[in-house]
Structures are given as C-alpha cells and as structure tokens.
C-alpha atoms as a PDB file:
ATOM      1  CA  MET A   1      71.836  44.627  88.293  1.00  0.00           C
ATOM      2  CA  SER A   2      73.068  41.170  86.947  1.00  0.00           C
ATOM      3  CA  LEU A   3      76.843  41.105  86.177  1.00  0.00           C
ATOM      4  CA  PHE A   4      76.085  41.692  81.935  1.00  0.00           C
ATOM      5  CA  GLY A   5      72.898  43.228  82.454  1.00  0.00           C
ATOM      6  CA  LYS A   6      71.873  47.352  81.999  1.00  0.00           C
ATOM      7  CA  LYS A   7      71.120  48.878  85.016  1.00  0.00           C
ATOM      8  CA  LYS A   8      67.433  49.029  86.333  1.00  0.00           C
ATOM      9  CA  GLU A   9      65.717  50.686  88.841  1.00  0.00           C
ATOM     10  CA  GLU A  10      68.211  50.515  91.541  1.00  0.00           C
ATOM     11  CA  LYS A  11      69.201  52.636  94.458  1.00  0.00           C
ATOM     12  CA  VAL A  12      71.815  55.268  93.959  1.00  0.00           C
ATOM     13  CA  SER A  13      73.397  57.912  96.114  1.00  0.00           C
ATOM     14  CA  CYS A  14      72.480  61.175  95.530  1.00  0.00           C
ATOM     15  CA  CYS A  15      74.284  64.240  95.623  1.00  0.00           C
ATOM     16  CA  CYS A  16      73.060  65.040  98.818  1.00  0.00           C
ATOM     17  CA  GLY A  17      74.211  62.004 100.154  1.00  0.00           C
ATOM     18  CA  LYS A  18      70.588  60.747 100.235  1.00  0.00           C
ATOM     19  CA  THR A  19      69.554  57.185  98.133  1.00  0.00           C
ATOM     20  CA  GLU A  20      67.155  58.051  96.019  1.00  0.00           C
ATOM     21  CA  ASN A  21      65.514  56.166  92.885  1.00  0.00           C
ATOM     22  CA  SER A  22      67.569  56.453  89.675  1.00  0.00           C
ATOM     23  CA  VAL A  23      64.691  55.992  87.304  1.00  0.00           C
ATOM     24  CA  SER A  24      62.931  58.991  88.230  1.00  0.00           C
ATOM     25  CA  ASN A  25      64.176  62.478  88.351  1.00  0.00           C
ATOM     26  CA  THR A  26      64.137  63.385  91.814  1.00  0.00           C
ATOM     27  CA  CYS A  27      66.571  64.395  94.721  1.00  0.00           C
ATOM     28  CA  CYS A  28      65.984  64.507  97.920  1.00  0.00           C
ATOM     29  CA  GLY A  29      62.765  62.576  97.782  1.00  0.00           C
ATOM     30  CA  LYS A  30      61.753  65.828  95.569  1.00  0.00           C
ATOM     31  CA  GLU A  31      60.851  66.117  92.252  1.00  0.00           C
ATOM     32  CA  VAL A  32      63.448  68.084  90.725  1.00  0.00           C
ATOM     33  CA  GLU A  33      63.401  70.459  87.534  1.00  0.00           C
ATOM     34  CA  GLY A  34      66.340  70.747  85.199  1.00  0.00           C
ATOM     35  CA  ILE A  35      69.747  69.708  86.883  1.00  0.00           C
ATOM     36  CA  CYS A  36      70.336  69.294  90.736  1.00  0.00           C
ATOM     37  CA  CYS A  37      73.972  67.419  90.231  1.00  0.00           C
ATOM     38  CA  ILE A  38      76.459  66.209  87.789  1.00  0.00           C
ATOM     39  CA  LYS A  39      79.403  64.085  88.688  1.00  0.00           C
ATOM     40  CA  VAL A  40      82.408  63.641  86.996  1.00  0.00           C
ATOM     41  CA  LEU A  41      83.861  59.621  86.926  1.00  0.00           C
ATOM     42  CA  GLY A  42      87.202  59.080  85.873  1.00  0.00           C
ATOM     43  CA  ALA A  43      90.605  57.355  87.186  1.00  0.00           C
ATOM     44  CA  GLY A  44      92.681  60.537  87.240  1.00  0.00           C
ATOM     45  CA  CYS A  45      94.155  60.756  84.414  1.00  0.00           C
ATOM     46  CA  LYS A  46      94.986  63.457  82.266  1.00  0.00           C
ATOM     47  CA  SER A  47      91.655  63.062  80.213  1.00  0.00           C
ATOM     48  CA  CYS A  48      89.358  62.805  83.226  1.00  0.00           C
ATOM     49  CA  HIS A  49      90.723  65.796  84.536  1.00  0.00           C
ATOM     50  CA  GLU A  50      89.869  67.829  81.609  1.00  0.00           C
ATOM     51  CA  GLN A  51      86.569  66.133  81.113  1.00  0.00           C
ATOM     52  CA  TYR A  52      86.232  67.782  84.847  1.00  0.00           C
ATOM     53  CA  GLN A  53      87.476  71.007  83.790  1.00  0.00           C
ATOM     54  CA  ASN A  54      85.304  71.192  80.322  1.00  0.00           C
ATOM     55  CA  VAL A  55      82.168  70.440  82.719  1.00  0.00           C
ATOM     56  CA  MET A  56      82.939  73.286  85.297  1.00  0.00           C
ATOM     57  CA  ASN A  57      83.381  75.539  81.818  1.00  0.00           C
ATOM     58  CA  ALA A  58      79.845  74.331  80.618  1.00  0.00           C
ATOM     59  CA  VAL A  59      78.379  75.142  84.505  1.00  0.00           C
ATOM     60  CA  ALA A  60      79.802  78.295  84.101  1.00  0.00           C
ATOM     61  CA  GLU A  61      79.075  79.374  81.424  1.00  0.00           C
ATOM     62  CA  MET A  62      75.443  78.533  81.778  1.00  0.00           C
ATOM     63  CA  GLY A  63      74.963  79.681  84.771  1.00  0.00           C
ATOM     64  CA  ILE A  64      74.231  76.702  86.347  1.00  0.00           C
ATOM     65  CA  ALA A  65      73.924  76.935  90.355  1.00  0.00           C
ATOM     66  CA  THR A  66      74.819  73.362  91.349  1.00  0.00           C
ATOM     67  CA  ASP A  67      78.534  71.410  92.536  1.00  0.00           C
ATOM     68  CA  VAL A  68      80.373  69.459  89.974  1.00  0.00           C
ATOM     69  CA  GLN A  69      81.871  67.126  91.906  1.00  0.00           C
ATOM     70  CA  TYR A  70      84.906  64.579  90.066  1.00  0.00           C
ATOM     71  CA  ILE A  71      84.759  61.176  91.625  1.00  0.00           C
ATOM     72  CA  THR A  72      88.066  58.447  91.045  1.00  0.00           C
ATOM     73  CA  ASP A  73      87.038  56.349  93.354  1.00  0.00           C
ATOM     74  CA  MET A  74      86.417  52.875  91.128  1.00  0.00           C
ATOM     75  CA  GLU A  75      83.737  50.944  93.607  1.00  0.00           C
ATOM     76  CA  VAL A  76      81.447  54.331  92.924  1.00  0.00           C
ATOM     77  CA  VAL A  77      82.650  54.504  89.031  1.00  0.00           C
ATOM     78  CA  MET A  78      81.614  50.799  89.026  1.00  0.00           C
ATOM     79  CA  GLY A  79      78.130  51.671  90.702  1.00  0.00           C
ATOM     80  CA  TYR A  80      77.574  53.472  87.785  1.00  0.00           C
ATOM     81  CA  GLY A  81      77.834  50.457  85.688  1.00  0.00           C
ATOM     82  CA  VAL A  82      80.531  52.508  83.331  1.00  0.00           C
ATOM     83  CA  MET A  83      83.695  50.672  82.171  1.00  0.00           C
ATOM     84  CA  SER A  84      84.991  53.203  79.890  1.00  0.00           C
ATOM     85  CA  MET A  85      86.127  56.523  81.438  1.00  0.00           C
ATOM     86  CA  PRO A  86      85.341  59.979  81.777  1.00  0.00           C
ATOM     87  CA  ALA A  87      82.047  60.012  81.991  1.00  0.00           C
ATOM     88  CA  ILE A  88      79.198  62.322  83.153  1.00  0.00           C
ATOM     89  CA  VAL A  89      76.512  61.392  85.326  1.00  0.00           C
ATOM     90  CA  VAL A  90      73.868  63.862  85.559  1.00  0.00           C
ATOM     91  CA  ASN A  91      70.810  64.076  87.889  1.00  0.00           C
ATOM     92  CA  GLU A  92      72.226  59.951  88.640  1.00  0.00           C
ATOM     93  CA  LYS A  93      72.226  59.140  85.166  1.00  0.00           C
ATOM     94  CA  VAL A  94      75.063  58.340  83.083  1.00  0.00           C
ATOM     95  CA  ALA A  95      74.813  60.790  80.295  1.00  0.00           C
ATOM     96  CA  ALA A  96      78.156  60.136  78.585  1.00  0.00           C
ATOM     97  CA  TYR A  97      80.958  58.614  78.616  1.00  0.00           C
ATOM     98  CA  GLY A  98      83.833  56.878  76.762  1.00  0.00           C
ATOM     99  CA  LYS A  99      85.025  60.492  75.085  1.00  0.00           C
ATOM    100  CA  VAL A 100      86.410  63.783  76.611  1.00  0.00           C
ATOM    101  CA  LEU A 101      83.464  66.525  75.471  1.00  0.00           C
ATOM    102  CA  LYS A 102      84.441  69.902  75.040  1.00  0.00           C
ATOM    103  CA  THR A 103      82.839  72.613  76.209  1.00  0.00           C
ATOM    104  CA  LYS A 104      80.575  73.246  73.754  1.00  0.00           C
ATOM    105  CA  GLU A 105      79.525  69.135  73.689  1.00  0.00           C
ATOM    106  CA  VAL A 106      78.861  69.409  77.653  1.00  0.00           C
ATOM    107  CA  ILE A 107      76.689  72.404  77.151  1.00  0.00           C
ATOM    108  CA  GLU A 108      74.615  70.741  74.526  1.00  0.00           C
ATOM    109  CA  LEU A 109      74.352  67.923  76.382  1.00  0.00           C
ATOM    110  CA  LEU A 110      73.141  69.803  79.920  1.00  0.00           C
ATOM    111  CA  LYS A 111      70.897  71.715  77.563  1.00  0.00           C
ATOM    112  CA  GLY A 112      68.805  68.487  77.485  1.00  0.00           C
ATOM    113  CA  TYR A 113      68.139  68.385  81.280  1.00  0.00           C
END
C-alpha cells in the first residue's frame, strides 16, 4: 500500500488469528458465506464505545453467532487505512468509518454480508 493510496490486495490478520487475503471472502483458508468476524476500531473515546455497543446490539438482535472485537491499538487501526473513527470492519473489510451508526443502521449494514 502506498502512503496515500488505497489498500490493494494485502494480507491482514483474520479474526481467528490467521493471515488471509482481504480481497476474497475467506476465513482460515475457507470460503465463508455471511459474517465470520466483526471489529470495531476506535480510540477508546465515548463515541467509539457507543459504536461498539450499537454493533453488539445489532449482532444480538440479528442472532449472528460471531465475536465482536473492540480494537484500540492504533498500529492495528492504521493497518486498515482508517483515518477517522469509529470504524466497523466486517470480514476484514472496512464497512463504515467516521461516524457512530445507530443500531438500526448497523443492522442494515450487516444485511449486506
């Protein structure tokens, strides 16, 4: 990835700890259907905590069986190319960033996966 360019086909850490290709919808080397992992990237501020809670509420309401991680390590956050937080990462792809989505908005976002 260049300093100012978009992320291309890069290796990123999967929710299971393995390294996978961020372009395909894979987890642990297997093609996945639906959502395998969700991460909320933030700085630990009130807005980021609120986003994490809204994602947790959406996952519970939808009955999705996945772990939601809250990541505040700035090195990891920057690895996703996110410059404004909070951000939501679904299946290792940045799905939303820069504003706190309400629970209903998160549900609509997750329906696309």
